Protein backbone atom coordinates (compact mmCIF):
# COMPACT_ATOMS: atom_id res chain seq x y z
CA MET A 1 0.00 0.00 0.00
CA ALA A 2 1.19 3.50 -0.77
CA THR A 3 1.08 5.92 2.10
CA GLU A 4 2.07 9.57 1.94
CA ALA A 5 1.89 12.32 4.51
CA ALA A 6 -0.54 15.15 3.85
CA ILE A 7 -1.34 18.48 5.46
CA GLU A 8 -3.70 18.20 8.45
CA VAL A 9 -4.36 14.50 7.90
CA PRO A 10 -3.89 12.41 11.07
CA ALA A 11 -1.03 9.97 10.61
CA ALA A 12 -2.70 7.62 13.10
CA ALA A 13 -5.73 7.24 10.84
CA VAL A 14 -3.56 6.39 7.85
CA GLU A 15 -1.64 3.82 9.89
CA GLU A 16 -4.88 2.29 11.17
CA ALA A 17 -6.17 1.91 7.60
CA ALA A 18 -3.09 -0.13 6.70
CA GLU A 19 -3.44 -2.31 9.80
CA VAL A 20 -7.13 -2.95 9.16
CA ALA A 21 -6.43 -3.93 5.55
CA GLU A 22 -3.86 -6.52 6.62
CA LYS A 23 -6.30 -8.22 8.99
CA GLN A 24 -9.41 -8.50 6.79
CA PRO A 25 -8.70 -7.58 3.17
CA HIS A 26 -11.69 -7.52 0.82
CA ARG A 27 -10.05 -6.47 -2.43
CA LEU A 28 -11.55 -3.95 -4.82
CA GLU A 29 -11.28 -4.35 -8.59
CA ARG A 30 -8.74 -1.53 -8.80
CA LYS A 31 -6.67 0.82 -6.67
CA TRP A 32 -7.89 4.30 -5.75
CA THR A 33 -6.12 7.33 -4.28
CA PHE A 34 -7.46 9.97 -1.89
CA TRP A 35 -6.09 13.49 -2.35
CA TYR A 36 -6.47 16.64 -0.24
CA ASP A 37 -6.21 20.28 -1.32
CA ASN A 38 -6.43 23.09 1.25
CA GLN A 39 -6.44 26.15 -0.98
CA SER A 40 -7.13 28.43 1.96
CA LYS A 41 -3.48 27.95 2.98
CA GLN A 42 -2.08 28.47 -0.50
CA LYS A 43 0.46 31.28 -0.70
CA PRO A 44 -0.41 34.33 -2.84
CA GLY A 45 0.82 33.87 -6.40
CA ALA A 46 1.33 30.12 -5.99
CA ALA A 47 0.72 27.96 -9.06
CA TRP A 48 -2.64 26.22 -9.37
CA GLY A 49 -2.45 22.77 -7.82
CA SER A 50 0.57 23.57 -5.66
CA SER A 51 -1.38 22.82 -2.47
CA LEU A 52 -2.65 19.45 -3.74
CA ARG A 53 -1.40 16.49 -1.67
CA LYS A 54 -1.67 12.74 -2.20
CA VAL A 55 -2.84 11.11 1.03
CA TYR A 56 -3.35 7.36 0.58
CA THR A 57 -3.71 4.70 -2.11
CA PHE A 58 -5.95 1.78 -1.19
CA ASP A 59 -7.49 -1.33 -2.73
CA THR A 60 -9.60 -2.86 0.04
CA VAL A 61 -13.07 -2.16 1.43
CA GLU A 62 -11.67 -1.97 4.97
CA GLU A 63 -9.15 0.73 4.13
CA PHE A 64 -11.83 2.78 2.41
CA TRP A 65 -14.18 2.81 5.40
CA CYS A 66 -11.39 3.53 7.85
CA LEU A 67 -10.22 6.50 5.80
CA TYR A 68 -13.71 7.80 5.11
CA ASP A 69 -14.88 7.56 8.72
CA GLN A 70 -11.84 9.28 10.18
CA ILE A 71 -10.79 11.75 7.50
CA PHE A 72 -12.60 12.07 4.22
CA ARG A 73 -15.93 13.62 5.12
CA PRO A 74 -16.65 17.00 3.49
CA SER A 75 -18.06 18.26 6.81
CA LYS A 76 -14.47 18.13 8.13
CA LEU A 77 -13.15 20.40 5.39
CA PRO A 78 -12.35 24.09 5.93
CA THR A 79 -13.79 26.59 3.45
CA ILE A 80 -11.95 26.66 0.10
CA ALA A 81 -10.70 23.09 0.33
CA GLU A 82 -11.26 19.87 -1.59
CA PHE A 83 -11.20 16.11 -1.24
CA HIS A 84 -10.50 13.98 -4.33
CA LEU A 85 -10.84 10.28 -5.06
CA PHE A 86 -9.13 9.28 -8.32
CA LYS A 87 -7.98 6.05 -9.85
CA ALA A 88 -4.44 5.23 -8.76
CA GLY A 89 -1.90 6.55 -11.23
CA MET A 90 -3.96 9.62 -12.16
CA GLU A 91 -3.54 13.09 -10.69
CA PRO A 92 -6.65 15.25 -10.24
CA LYS A 93 -5.31 17.89 -12.61
CA TRP A 94 -6.29 18.97 -16.11
CA GLU A 95 -2.69 18.38 -17.16
CA ASP A 96 -2.76 14.67 -16.33
CA PRO A 97 -2.64 12.70 -19.63
CA GLU A 98 -5.68 10.63 -18.61
CA CYS A 99 -7.71 13.77 -17.84
CA ALA A 100 -6.42 16.21 -20.46
CA ASN A 101 -9.10 15.51 -23.09
CA GLY A 102 -11.90 15.10 -20.59
CA GLY A 103 -14.39 17.11 -18.65
CA LYS A 104 -16.67 16.88 -15.63
CA TRP A 105 -20.26 16.52 -14.55
CA THR A 106 -21.07 18.96 -11.74
CA VAL A 107 -23.70 19.03 -9.01
CA THR A 108 -24.03 21.95 -6.58
CA SER A 109 -25.30 21.95 -3.01
CA ASN A 110 -26.26 24.62 -0.50
CA ARG A 111 -26.27 22.18 2.42
CA LYS A 112 -23.23 20.48 3.92
CA ASP A 113 -25.12 17.32 4.86
CA ASN A 114 -26.40 17.02 1.29
CA LEU A 115 -22.87 17.28 -0.08
CA GLU A 116 -21.75 14.63 2.39
CA ASN A 117 -24.46 12.20 1.28
CA MET A 118 -23.78 12.74 -2.44
CA TRP A 119 -20.02 12.36 -1.90
CA LEU A 120 -20.44 9.04 -0.08
CA GLU A 121 -22.92 7.68 -2.64
CA THR A 122 -20.49 8.57 -5.42
CA LEU A 123 -17.49 7.03 -3.64
CA MET A 124 -19.36 3.76 -3.14
CA ALA A 125 -20.52 3.75 -6.76
CA LEU A 126 -16.95 4.24 -7.99
CA ILE A 127 -15.17 1.67 -5.84
CA GLY A 128 -18.11 -0.70 -6.34
CA GLU A 129 -17.81 -0.38 -10.14
CA GLN A 130 -21.47 0.61 -10.59
CA PHE A 131 -20.90 2.56 -13.82
CA ASP A 132 -21.09 0.64 -17.12
CA GLU A 133 -18.46 3.05 -18.49
CA ALA A 134 -16.17 2.68 -15.46
CA GLU A 135 -13.04 2.84 -17.63
CA GLU A 136 -14.08 6.32 -18.80
CA ILE A 137 -14.20 7.76 -15.28
CA CYS A 138 -11.15 9.43 -13.70
CA GLY A 139 -12.49 10.32 -10.27
CA VAL A 140 -14.59 12.70 -8.19
CA VAL A 141 -13.93 15.99 -6.40
CA ALA A 142 -15.81 17.43 -3.39
CA SER A 143 -15.30 21.21 -3.17
CA VAL A 144 -16.31 23.20 -0.09
CA ARG A 145 -16.86 26.90 -0.70
CA GLN A 146 -18.24 29.90 1.20
CA ARG A 147 -21.60 30.12 -0.56
CA GLN A 148 -22.12 26.89 -2.46
CA ASP A 149 -20.42 23.50 -2.38
CA LYS A 150 -20.07 21.30 -5.43
CA LEU A 151 -19.30 17.75 -6.48
CA SER A 152 -17.59 17.04 -9.82
CA LEU A 153 -17.27 13.69 -11.57
CA TRP A 154 -14.28 13.75 -13.95
CA THR A 155 -14.22 11.68 -17.15
CA LYS A 156 -11.66 10.99 -19.89
CA ASN A 157 -13.18 11.72 -23.31
CA ALA A 158 -15.28 14.87 -23.31
CA ALA A 159 -16.06 14.72 -27.03
CA ASN A 160 -17.78 11.33 -26.76
CA GLU A 161 -21.26 12.67 -26.07
CA ALA A 162 -23.00 9.28 -25.98
CA VAL A 163 -20.69 7.99 -23.26
CA GLN A 164 -20.86 11.19 -21.24
CA MET A 165 -24.65 11.25 -21.36
CA SER A 166 -24.78 7.65 -20.17
CA ILE A 167 -22.44 8.45 -17.28
CA GLY A 168 -24.40 11.60 -16.42
CA ARG A 169 -27.73 9.79 -16.34
CA LYS A 170 -26.31 7.02 -14.16
CA TRP A 171 -24.72 9.50 -11.75
CA LYS A 172 -27.95 11.48 -11.48
CA GLU A 173 -29.77 8.25 -10.64
CA ILE A 174 -27.17 7.35 -7.99
CA LEU A 175 -27.44 10.81 -6.41
CA ASN A 176 -31.24 10.77 -6.63
CA VAL A 177 -31.38 14.43 -7.68
CA THR A 178 -34.14 16.00 -9.77
CA GLU A 179 -32.44 19.22 -10.87
CA LYS A 180 -30.52 19.35 -14.13
CA ILE A 181 -26.80 18.58 -13.97
CA THR A 182 -24.30 19.81 -16.55
CA TYR A 183 -21.11 18.59 -18.20
CA SER A 184 -18.26 20.95 -19.09
CA PHE A 185 -15.06 20.36 -21.07
CA HIS A 186 -11.78 20.93 -19.23
CA ASP A 187 -10.64 22.93 -22.27
CA ASP A 188 -13.43 25.44 -21.63
CA SER A 189 -12.50 25.75 -17.97
CA LYS A 190 -8.79 26.19 -18.73
CA ARG A 191 -9.45 29.32 -20.76
CA ASP A 192 -11.07 31.27 -17.98
CA ARG A 193 -10.78 29.07 -14.85
CA SER A 194 -14.58 28.94 -14.89
CA THR A 195 -16.74 26.64 -12.84
CA GLY A 196 -18.17 25.07 -15.95
CA LYS A 197 -21.67 26.47 -15.48
CA GLY A 198 -23.88 26.11 -18.53
CA GLY A 199 -21.63 23.33 -19.92
CA ARG A 200 -21.75 21.35 -23.18
CA TYR A 201 -24.17 18.57 -22.11
CA SER A 202 -26.91 18.26 -19.51
CA VAL A 203 -29.25 15.60 -18.13
């Protein structure tokens, strides 16, 4: 298992995850990595992504629950911070080769408990391989902000509308939301660092 120190993440929780996995390993189909980004502590003028930290790579059910219960709940995040869960080997950055030609589906929330529920449902859907197009998915990002939180599901091939619409419909079903959700291309966001509102596709 790969373990790396991260800002404000309890080392004891990371160590416990490794110990739990050794005792009762129920293997997942693939490895996943949790990341943490506290942008509120980013120095003025620092490059985008400079505060992003890899926390832990896991491949068992036990490690996941240990990490989620003790660390990776959005309610624990300070304002202007993010949690990420991405497939191992990918970085949650537009520049990553696996993400470069992709985009993201985005859901917004005005309630912290709602964000927490949607985040957990998405995590379980990803590690449980509930998406038919699982190979097309990169990961998910939970972003806590002053006025409105958001959850973004990143995918690989933005131009493949049929695949993106299928993923979007499945995610909307998993989240059990009625409002429209939108998909934006990373290329669009790169130009103006936008949030992707009003994106290319919607379901």
